[in-house]
N, C-alpha and C. Protein backbone atom coordinates (compact mmCIF):
# COMPACT_ATOMS: atom_id res chain seq x y z
N MET A 1 -25.70 -13.19 -4.29
CA MET A 1 -24.26 -13.13 -4.11
C MET A 1 -23.62 -14.10 -5.11
N ASP A 2 -22.58 -13.67 -5.75
CA ASP A 2 -21.92 -14.45 -6.78
C ASP A 2 -20.52 -14.83 -6.34
N LYS A 3 -20.40 -15.98 -5.69
CA LYS A 3 -19.10 -16.42 -5.18
C LYS A 3 -18.12 -16.69 -6.33
N GLU A 4 -18.65 -17.12 -7.48
CA GLU A 4 -17.79 -17.36 -8.63
C GLU A 4 -17.17 -16.05 -9.12
N LEU A 5 -17.95 -14.97 -9.09
CA LEU A 5 -17.43 -13.67 -9.49
C LEU A 5 -16.33 -13.22 -8.54
N ILE A 6 -16.55 -13.37 -7.24
CA ILE A 6 -15.53 -13.00 -6.25
C ILE A 6 -14.29 -13.86 -6.46
N SER A 7 -14.48 -15.12 -6.79
CA SER A 7 -13.35 -16.00 -7.07
C SER A 7 -12.56 -15.50 -8.28
N ASP A 8 -13.26 -15.05 -9.31
CA ASP A 8 -12.59 -14.45 -10.48
C ASP A 8 -11.84 -13.19 -10.07
N TRP A 9 -12.46 -12.38 -9.25
CA TRP A 9 -11.80 -11.16 -8.77
C TRP A 9 -10.54 -11.50 -8.00
N PHE A 10 -10.61 -12.59 -7.23
CA PHE A 10 -9.42 -13.01 -6.48
C PHE A 10 -8.29 -13.29 -7.47
N ASP A 11 -8.60 -14.03 -8.53
CA ASP A 11 -7.57 -14.33 -9.54
C ASP A 11 -6.99 -13.06 -10.16
N TYR A 12 -7.85 -12.08 -10.42
CA TYR A 12 -7.41 -10.84 -11.08
C TYR A 12 -6.71 -9.86 -10.13
N TYR A 13 -7.20 -9.74 -8.89
CA TYR A 13 -6.79 -8.62 -8.04
C TYR A 13 -6.07 -9.00 -6.75
N ALA A 14 -5.89 -10.27 -6.47
CA ALA A 14 -5.25 -10.67 -5.21
C ALA A 14 -3.84 -10.09 -5.10
N ASP A 15 -3.09 -10.07 -6.20
CA ASP A 15 -1.73 -9.52 -6.15
C ASP A 15 -1.73 -8.03 -5.81
N ASP A 16 -2.70 -7.28 -6.36
CA ASP A 16 -2.80 -5.85 -6.07
C ASP A 16 -3.14 -5.63 -4.59
N VAL A 17 -4.08 -6.40 -4.09
CA VAL A 17 -4.47 -6.30 -2.68
C VAL A 17 -3.27 -6.68 -1.80
N TYR A 18 -2.57 -7.74 -2.19
CA TYR A 18 -1.41 -8.19 -1.44
C TYR A 18 -0.34 -7.10 -1.36
N ARG A 19 0.00 -6.50 -2.51
CA ARG A 19 1.02 -5.44 -2.52
C ARG A 19 0.58 -4.25 -1.67
N PHE A 20 -0.68 -3.85 -1.80
CA PHE A 20 -1.18 -2.73 -0.99
C PHE A 20 -1.00 -3.04 0.49
N LEU A 21 -1.41 -4.23 0.90
CA LEU A 21 -1.33 -4.58 2.32
C LEU A 21 0.11 -4.68 2.81
N ILE A 22 1.01 -5.17 1.97
CA ILE A 22 2.43 -5.24 2.37
C ILE A 22 2.93 -3.84 2.70
N TYR A 23 2.67 -2.89 1.80
CA TYR A 23 3.17 -1.54 2.03
C TYR A 23 2.44 -0.87 3.18
N TYR A 24 1.15 -1.07 3.27
CA TYR A 24 0.39 -0.39 4.32
C TYR A 24 0.73 -0.95 5.70
N MET A 25 0.88 -2.27 5.77
CA MET A 25 1.11 -2.92 7.06
C MET A 25 2.60 -2.99 7.42
N SER A 26 3.47 -2.71 6.47
CA SER A 26 4.92 -2.76 6.70
C SER A 26 5.40 -4.16 7.08
N THR A 27 4.77 -5.16 6.52
CA THR A 27 5.17 -6.54 6.78
C THR A 27 4.78 -7.39 5.58
N PRO A 28 5.59 -8.42 5.28
CA PRO A 28 5.22 -9.31 4.18
C PRO A 28 4.22 -10.38 4.61
N ASP A 29 3.89 -10.45 5.88
CA ASP A 29 2.99 -11.47 6.41
C ASP A 29 1.53 -11.03 6.32
N VAL A 30 1.01 -10.96 5.11
CA VAL A 30 -0.35 -10.45 4.94
C VAL A 30 -1.28 -11.43 4.22
N GLU A 31 -0.83 -12.66 4.01
CA GLU A 31 -1.65 -13.63 3.27
C GLU A 31 -3.03 -13.80 3.92
N ASP A 32 -3.05 -13.90 5.24
CA ASP A 32 -4.33 -14.07 5.94
C ASP A 32 -5.23 -12.86 5.73
N LEU A 33 -4.63 -11.67 5.71
CA LEU A 33 -5.42 -10.46 5.49
C LEU A 33 -5.98 -10.41 4.07
N VAL A 34 -5.21 -10.88 3.11
CA VAL A 34 -5.71 -10.93 1.72
C VAL A 34 -6.94 -11.83 1.67
N GLN A 35 -6.84 -12.98 2.32
CA GLN A 35 -8.00 -13.89 2.37
C GLN A 35 -9.19 -13.21 3.04
N GLU A 36 -8.92 -12.49 4.12
CA GLU A 36 -9.98 -11.80 4.85
C GLU A 36 -10.66 -10.75 3.98
N VAL A 37 -9.88 -10.04 3.15
CA VAL A 37 -10.45 -9.04 2.24
C VAL A 37 -11.49 -9.70 1.34
N PHE A 38 -11.15 -10.85 0.79
CA PHE A 38 -12.08 -11.50 -0.13
C PHE A 38 -13.26 -12.15 0.60
N MET A 39 -13.04 -12.56 1.83
CA MET A 39 -14.17 -13.05 2.64
C MET A 39 -15.15 -11.90 2.91
N ARG A 40 -14.60 -10.74 3.24
CA ARG A 40 -15.46 -9.57 3.46
C ARG A 40 -16.15 -9.16 2.17
N ALA A 41 -15.46 -9.31 1.05
CA ALA A 41 -16.07 -8.97 -0.24
C ALA A 41 -17.27 -9.86 -0.52
N ILE A 42 -17.16 -11.15 -0.17
CA ILE A 42 -18.30 -12.05 -0.34
C ILE A 42 -19.46 -11.58 0.53
N ASP A 43 -19.16 -11.25 1.80
CA ASP A 43 -20.21 -10.81 2.72
C ASP A 43 -20.85 -9.49 2.27
N ARG A 44 -20.03 -8.62 1.70
CA ARG A 44 -20.51 -7.28 1.36
C ARG A 44 -20.87 -7.12 -0.11
N TYR A 45 -20.83 -8.18 -0.87
CA TYR A 45 -21.11 -8.08 -2.31
C TYR A 45 -22.45 -7.41 -2.61
N PRO A 46 -23.50 -7.69 -1.81
CA PRO A 46 -24.77 -7.01 -2.11
C PRO A 46 -24.67 -5.48 -2.05
N SER A 47 -23.70 -4.95 -1.31
CA SER A 47 -23.56 -3.49 -1.21
C SER A 47 -22.70 -2.92 -2.33
N PHE A 48 -22.07 -3.78 -3.15
CA PHE A 48 -21.24 -3.30 -4.26
C PHE A 48 -22.18 -2.81 -5.37
N LYS A 49 -22.11 -1.52 -5.64
CA LYS A 49 -23.02 -0.90 -6.60
C LYS A 49 -22.40 -0.75 -7.98
N GLY A 50 -21.14 -1.07 -8.12
CA GLY A 50 -20.48 -0.94 -9.41
C GLY A 50 -20.10 0.49 -9.76
N GLU A 51 -20.16 1.39 -8.77
CA GLU A 51 -19.78 2.79 -9.01
C GLU A 51 -18.27 2.94 -9.15
N SER A 52 -17.52 1.99 -8.64
CA SER A 52 -16.07 1.97 -8.80
C SER A 52 -15.71 0.61 -9.39
N SER A 53 -14.46 0.47 -9.77
CA SER A 53 -14.03 -0.83 -10.30
C SER A 53 -13.93 -1.83 -9.15
N PRO A 54 -14.01 -3.11 -9.46
CA PRO A 54 -13.84 -4.11 -8.39
C PRO A 54 -12.49 -3.94 -7.67
N LYS A 55 -11.45 -3.57 -8.41
CA LYS A 55 -10.12 -3.40 -7.81
C LYS A 55 -10.14 -2.32 -6.75
N THR A 56 -10.72 -1.16 -7.05
CA THR A 56 -10.72 -0.08 -6.07
C THR A 56 -11.62 -0.43 -4.89
N TRP A 57 -12.71 -1.15 -5.15
CA TRP A 57 -13.59 -1.57 -4.06
C TRP A 57 -12.85 -2.53 -3.14
N LEU A 58 -12.11 -3.47 -3.70
CA LEU A 58 -11.36 -4.44 -2.90
C LEU A 58 -10.23 -3.77 -2.13
N ILE A 59 -9.55 -2.81 -2.75
CA ILE A 59 -8.47 -2.11 -2.05
C ILE A 59 -9.04 -1.24 -0.93
N SER A 60 -10.24 -0.72 -1.14
CA SER A 60 -10.90 0.03 -0.08
C SER A 60 -11.19 -0.88 1.12
N ILE A 61 -11.67 -2.07 0.84
CA ILE A 61 -11.90 -3.05 1.92
C ILE A 61 -10.56 -3.37 2.60
N ALA A 62 -9.51 -3.57 1.79
CA ALA A 62 -8.18 -3.88 2.34
C ALA A 62 -7.68 -2.75 3.23
N ARG A 63 -7.90 -1.52 2.81
CA ARG A 63 -7.45 -0.37 3.59
C ARG A 63 -8.13 -0.34 4.96
N HIS A 64 -9.44 -0.54 4.97
CA HIS A 64 -10.16 -0.53 6.25
C HIS A 64 -9.72 -1.69 7.14
N LEU A 65 -9.51 -2.85 6.53
CA LEU A 65 -9.03 -3.99 7.28
C LEU A 65 -7.63 -3.72 7.85
N ALA A 66 -6.77 -3.10 7.05
CA ALA A 66 -5.41 -2.78 7.50
C ALA A 66 -5.42 -1.78 8.64
N ILE A 67 -6.29 -0.80 8.57
CA ILE A 67 -6.41 0.18 9.66
C ILE A 67 -6.81 -0.53 10.94
N ASP A 68 -7.80 -1.41 10.84
CA ASP A 68 -8.24 -2.17 12.01
C ASP A 68 -7.10 -3.04 12.55
N GLU A 69 -6.41 -3.71 11.65
CA GLU A 69 -5.32 -4.60 12.07
C GLU A 69 -4.18 -3.81 12.69
N THR A 70 -3.87 -2.65 12.14
CA THR A 70 -2.80 -1.82 12.68
C THR A 70 -3.13 -1.37 14.10
N ARG A 71 -4.38 -1.08 14.32
CA ARG A 71 -4.80 -0.71 15.68
C ARG A 71 -4.61 -1.87 16.64
N ARG A 72 -4.87 -3.10 16.15
CA ARG A 72 -4.73 -4.27 17.01
C ARG A 72 -3.28 -4.60 17.31
N GLN A 73 -2.45 -4.49 16.32
CA GLN A 73 -1.04 -4.81 16.55
C GLN A 73 -0.18 -3.75 15.89
N ASN A 74 0.59 -3.12 16.70
CA ASN A 74 1.36 -1.98 16.22
C ASN A 74 2.82 -2.41 16.01
N ARG A 75 3.00 -3.24 15.00
CA ARG A 75 4.36 -3.69 14.71
C ARG A 75 4.72 -3.32 13.28
N LYS A 76 5.94 -2.85 13.10
CA LYS A 76 6.41 -2.48 11.78
C LYS A 76 7.86 -2.91 11.63
N ASP A 77 8.13 -3.65 10.57
CA ASP A 77 9.50 -4.07 10.34
C ASP A 77 9.79 -4.04 8.84
N TRP A 78 10.27 -2.90 8.38
CA TRP A 78 10.53 -2.72 6.95
C TRP A 78 11.65 -3.62 6.46
N ARG A 79 12.54 -4.02 7.34
CA ARG A 79 13.67 -4.84 6.87
C ARG A 79 13.18 -6.17 6.32
N LYS A 80 12.18 -6.78 6.97
CA LYS A 80 11.61 -8.02 6.45
C LYS A 80 11.00 -7.78 5.07
N LEU A 81 10.29 -6.69 4.93
CA LEU A 81 9.66 -6.35 3.66
C LEU A 81 10.70 -6.23 2.55
N ILE A 82 11.76 -5.53 2.85
CA ILE A 82 12.79 -5.30 1.84
C ILE A 82 13.45 -6.62 1.44
N LYS A 83 13.71 -7.48 2.41
CA LYS A 83 14.32 -8.77 2.08
C LYS A 83 13.38 -9.60 1.22
N THR A 84 12.08 -9.51 1.46
CA THR A 84 11.10 -10.27 0.69
C THR A 84 11.07 -9.81 -0.76
N HIS A 85 11.25 -8.53 -0.97
CA HIS A 85 11.12 -7.98 -2.32
C HIS A 85 12.46 -7.63 -2.95
N SER A 86 13.52 -8.30 -2.57
CA SER A 86 14.81 -8.06 -3.21
C SER A 86 14.75 -8.62 -4.62
N PHE A 87 15.25 -7.87 -5.56
CA PHE A 87 15.29 -8.32 -6.93
C PHE A 87 16.70 -8.84 -7.21
N HIS A 88 16.79 -10.00 -7.77
CA HIS A 88 18.08 -10.62 -8.04
C HIS A 88 18.51 -10.25 -9.46
N THR A 89 19.44 -9.34 -9.55
CA THR A 89 19.96 -8.90 -10.83
C THR A 89 21.48 -8.93 -10.76
N GLU A 90 22.09 -8.75 -11.89
CA GLU A 90 23.55 -8.77 -11.97
C GLU A 90 24.10 -7.39 -11.62
N ILE A 91 24.15 -7.07 -10.33
CA ILE A 91 24.76 -5.81 -9.91
C ILE A 91 25.81 -6.13 -8.85
N SER A 92 26.74 -5.22 -8.72
CA SER A 92 27.82 -5.46 -7.77
C SER A 92 27.29 -5.45 -6.33
N PRO A 93 28.00 -6.12 -5.44
CA PRO A 93 27.59 -6.11 -4.03
C PRO A 93 27.51 -4.69 -3.46
N GLU A 94 28.42 -3.82 -3.88
CA GLU A 94 28.40 -2.44 -3.38
C GLU A 94 27.14 -1.72 -3.85
N ASP A 95 26.81 -1.88 -5.14
CA ASP A 95 25.60 -1.24 -5.67
C ASP A 95 24.35 -1.82 -5.02
N GLN A 96 24.37 -3.13 -4.78
CA GLN A 96 23.23 -3.76 -4.11
C GLN A 96 23.07 -3.21 -2.70
N GLN A 97 24.17 -3.03 -1.98
CA GLN A 97 24.12 -2.48 -0.62
C GLN A 97 23.55 -1.07 -0.64
N ILE A 98 24.01 -0.26 -1.58
CA ILE A 98 23.49 1.12 -1.70
C ILE A 98 22.00 1.10 -2.00
N SER A 99 21.60 0.21 -2.91
CA SER A 99 20.18 0.09 -3.26
C SER A 99 19.35 -0.32 -2.05
N GLU A 100 19.83 -1.30 -1.30
CA GLU A 100 19.11 -1.75 -0.10
C GLU A 100 19.00 -0.63 0.93
N GLU A 101 20.08 0.12 1.11
CA GLU A 101 20.06 1.23 2.06
C GLU A 101 19.04 2.29 1.63
N ARG A 102 18.98 2.57 0.35
CA ARG A 102 18.01 3.55 -0.15
C ARG A 102 16.57 3.06 0.08
N LYS A 103 16.34 1.77 -0.14
CA LYS A 103 15.00 1.21 0.10
C LYS A 103 14.62 1.37 1.57
N ILE A 104 15.57 1.07 2.44
CA ILE A 104 15.31 1.17 3.88
C ILE A 104 14.95 2.61 4.24
N VAL A 105 15.75 3.56 3.73
CA VAL A 105 15.49 4.98 4.02
C VAL A 105 14.11 5.38 3.51
N LEU A 106 13.78 4.97 2.28
CA LEU A 106 12.48 5.32 1.71
C LEU A 106 11.34 4.71 2.52
N HIS A 107 11.44 3.44 2.84
CA HIS A 107 10.38 2.79 3.60
C HIS A 107 10.24 3.37 5.00
N GLN A 108 11.34 3.72 5.63
CA GLN A 108 11.27 4.35 6.95
C GLN A 108 10.59 5.71 6.84
N ALA A 109 10.90 6.44 5.78
CA ALA A 109 10.28 7.75 5.58
C ALA A 109 8.78 7.60 5.34
N ILE A 110 8.38 6.62 4.54
CA ILE A 110 6.95 6.38 4.30
C ILE A 110 6.26 6.01 5.61
N GLU A 111 6.92 5.20 6.41
CA GLU A 111 6.36 4.76 7.69
C GLU A 111 6.08 5.95 8.62
N LYS A 112 6.91 7.00 8.53
CA LYS A 112 6.76 8.16 9.42
C LYS A 112 5.64 9.11 8.98
N LEU A 113 5.15 8.96 7.75
CA LEU A 113 4.10 9.85 7.26
C LEU A 113 2.82 9.66 8.06
N LYS A 114 2.04 10.73 8.18
CA LYS A 114 0.73 10.57 8.81
C LYS A 114 -0.13 9.68 7.90
N ASP A 115 -1.18 9.09 8.47
CA ASP A 115 -1.97 8.07 7.77
C ASP A 115 -2.46 8.51 6.39
N ASP A 116 -3.03 9.71 6.28
CA ASP A 116 -3.55 10.16 4.99
C ASP A 116 -2.44 10.26 3.96
N TYR A 117 -1.30 10.80 4.35
CA TYR A 117 -0.17 10.92 3.43
C TYR A 117 0.33 9.54 3.02
N ARG A 118 0.46 8.64 4.00
CA ARG A 118 0.94 7.30 3.71
C ARG A 118 -0.01 6.57 2.75
N SER A 119 -1.30 6.69 3.00
CA SER A 119 -2.29 6.03 2.14
C SER A 119 -2.19 6.51 0.70
N VAL A 120 -2.13 7.82 0.51
CA VAL A 120 -2.11 8.36 -0.85
C VAL A 120 -0.78 8.06 -1.53
N VAL A 121 0.32 8.05 -0.81
CA VAL A 121 1.62 7.71 -1.41
C VAL A 121 1.62 6.24 -1.86
N ILE A 122 1.09 5.37 -1.05
CA ILE A 122 1.05 3.95 -1.41
C ILE A 122 0.14 3.74 -2.62
N LEU A 123 -1.05 4.32 -2.58
CA LEU A 123 -2.00 4.10 -3.67
C LEU A 123 -1.55 4.73 -4.98
N ARG A 124 -1.11 5.98 -4.92
CA ARG A 124 -0.71 6.68 -6.16
C ARG A 124 0.72 6.33 -6.58
N GLY A 125 1.64 6.35 -5.64
CA GLY A 125 3.04 6.19 -5.99
C GLY A 125 3.52 4.76 -6.12
N ILE A 126 2.96 3.86 -5.34
CA ILE A 126 3.43 2.48 -5.36
C ILE A 126 2.46 1.59 -6.14
N GLU A 127 1.19 1.66 -5.80
CA GLU A 127 0.19 0.86 -6.51
C GLU A 127 -0.17 1.45 -7.87
N GLU A 128 0.21 2.71 -8.10
CA GLU A 128 -0.02 3.41 -9.36
C GLU A 128 -1.50 3.48 -9.75
N LEU A 129 -2.36 3.67 -8.76
CA LEU A 129 -3.77 3.89 -9.06
C LEU A 129 -3.93 5.30 -9.63
N SER A 130 -4.94 5.47 -10.44
CA SER A 130 -5.23 6.80 -10.98
C SER A 130 -5.77 7.69 -9.86
N VAL A 131 -5.85 8.99 -10.15
CA VAL A 131 -6.42 9.92 -9.18
C VAL A 131 -7.87 9.51 -8.87
N THR A 132 -8.61 9.15 -9.90
CA THR A 132 -10.02 8.75 -9.72
C THR A 132 -10.13 7.51 -8.86
N GLU A 133 -9.31 6.49 -9.15
CA GLU A 133 -9.35 5.25 -8.37
C GLU A 133 -8.95 5.51 -6.92
N THR A 134 -7.93 6.34 -6.72
CA THR A 134 -7.48 6.67 -5.36
C THR A 134 -8.58 7.40 -4.61
N ALA A 135 -9.25 8.32 -5.28
CA ALA A 135 -10.36 9.05 -4.65
C ALA A 135 -11.47 8.09 -4.24
N GLN A 136 -11.74 7.09 -5.06
CA GLN A 136 -12.78 6.12 -4.73
C GLN A 136 -12.38 5.28 -3.52
N VAL A 137 -11.12 4.83 -3.49
CA VAL A 137 -10.66 4.02 -2.36
C VAL A 137 -10.72 4.81 -1.06
N LEU A 138 -10.24 6.05 -1.10
CA LEU A 138 -10.14 6.85 0.12
C LEU A 138 -11.42 7.62 0.44
N LYS A 139 -12.36 7.60 -0.51
CA LYS A 139 -13.62 8.34 -0.37
C LYS A 139 -13.35 9.84 -0.22
N TRP A 140 -12.45 10.33 -1.08
CA TRP A 140 -12.06 11.73 -1.13
C TRP A 140 -12.46 12.28 -2.49
N THR A 141 -12.38 13.61 -2.63
CA THR A 141 -12.53 14.21 -3.95
C THR A 141 -11.21 14.04 -4.70
N GLU A 142 -11.27 14.12 -6.01
CA GLU A 142 -10.05 14.01 -6.81
C GLU A 142 -9.10 15.16 -6.48
N SER A 143 -9.66 16.33 -6.21
CA SER A 143 -8.84 17.47 -5.85
C SER A 143 -8.06 17.20 -4.56
N LYS A 144 -8.74 16.63 -3.58
CA LYS A 144 -8.07 16.31 -2.31
C LYS A 144 -6.95 15.29 -2.53
N VAL A 145 -7.17 14.32 -3.41
CA VAL A 145 -6.13 13.33 -3.71
C VAL A 145 -4.90 14.03 -4.28
N ARG A 146 -5.12 14.91 -5.26
CA ARG A 146 -3.99 15.60 -5.90
C ARG A 146 -3.21 16.45 -4.89
N VAL A 147 -3.93 17.24 -4.10
CA VAL A 147 -3.29 18.13 -3.14
C VAL A 147 -2.56 17.33 -2.06
N THR A 148 -3.23 16.31 -1.53
CA THR A 148 -2.62 15.51 -0.47
C THR A 148 -1.41 14.76 -0.98
N PHE A 149 -1.48 14.23 -2.20
CA PHE A 149 -0.34 13.51 -2.78
C PHE A 149 0.84 14.46 -2.96
N HIS A 150 0.57 15.66 -3.46
CA HIS A 150 1.62 16.65 -3.64
C HIS A 150 2.28 17.00 -2.30
N ARG A 151 1.47 17.25 -1.30
CA ARG A 151 2.00 17.58 0.03
C ARG A 151 2.77 16.41 0.64
N ALA A 152 2.23 15.21 0.46
CA ALA A 152 2.89 14.02 1.01
C ALA A 152 4.26 13.81 0.37
N LEU A 153 4.35 14.04 -0.94
CA LEU A 153 5.64 13.89 -1.61
C LEU A 153 6.65 14.91 -1.12
N LYS A 154 6.19 16.15 -0.86
CA LYS A 154 7.10 17.16 -0.32
C LYS A 154 7.64 16.73 1.04
N VAL A 155 6.76 16.24 1.90
CA VAL A 155 7.18 15.79 3.23
C VAL A 155 8.11 14.58 3.10
N LEU A 156 7.77 13.67 2.20
CA LEU A 156 8.58 12.48 2.00
C LEU A 156 9.98 12.84 1.51
N LYS A 157 10.06 13.75 0.55
CA LYS A 157 11.37 14.18 0.04
C LYS A 157 12.21 14.82 1.14
N SER A 158 11.60 15.66 1.94
CA SER A 158 12.37 16.31 3.01
C SER A 158 12.80 15.29 4.06
N GLU A 159 11.96 14.32 4.32
CA GLU A 159 12.29 13.27 5.29
C GLU A 159 13.47 12.43 4.79
N VAL A 160 13.46 12.10 3.52
CA VAL A 160 14.54 11.29 2.94
C VAL A 160 15.84 12.09 2.95
N LYS A 161 15.77 13.37 2.61
CA LYS A 161 16.96 14.23 2.65
C LYS A 161 17.52 14.33 4.05
N GLU A 162 16.63 14.45 5.03
CA GLU A 162 17.04 14.57 6.43
C GLU A 162 17.76 13.30 6.88
N VAL A 163 17.23 12.15 6.52
CA VAL A 163 17.87 10.88 6.91
C VAL A 163 19.23 10.76 6.24
N ARG A 164 19.34 11.13 4.96
CA ARG A 164 20.62 11.06 4.27
C ARG A 164 21.64 12.01 4.91
N TYR A 165 21.18 13.20 5.30
CA TYR A 165 22.06 14.18 5.92
C TYR A 165 22.59 13.66 7.25
N GLU A 166 21.68 13.04 8.04
CA GLU A 166 22.07 12.53 9.34
C GLU A 166 23.06 11.39 9.23
N SER A 167 22.94 10.57 8.18
CA SER A 167 23.83 9.42 8.06
C SER A 167 25.16 9.76 7.41
N SER A 168 25.29 10.97 6.88
CA SER A 168 26.56 11.36 6.24
C SER A 168 27.61 11.72 7.26
């Protein structure tokens, strides 16, 4: 086991794991889970065969950890997430309000997706993993990733339209 290698991976990939967990868990309070991912990586390093990149292997561990954690505590608060990731730019208060409302609608729509759809949307659309990397994380075929992502986006678009229609 190479703890120094895992430490290097932490330096390279902790932000990616952190972002994945924020979106998957719907909360910005994931620092402990990020640490847990790397602790599990140390324990499971002998099983790492190098068939995928370290990043996809770590995100796969994060996904399984997030599923377990979600089962333990079923709390979701996108508003905290959005406040954590507000970007401070020179835009008018009205435009900022519209932008915040759109983020809320999008995050609520992602939250309503079934698990497979939510996973593929986060990995492909937010984390911007390739089809191959997403397939490795989810242990799916590349074809299944493409089809599921396409279907998930259709559901997500209709969900966002529905929320906009209801609020008009």
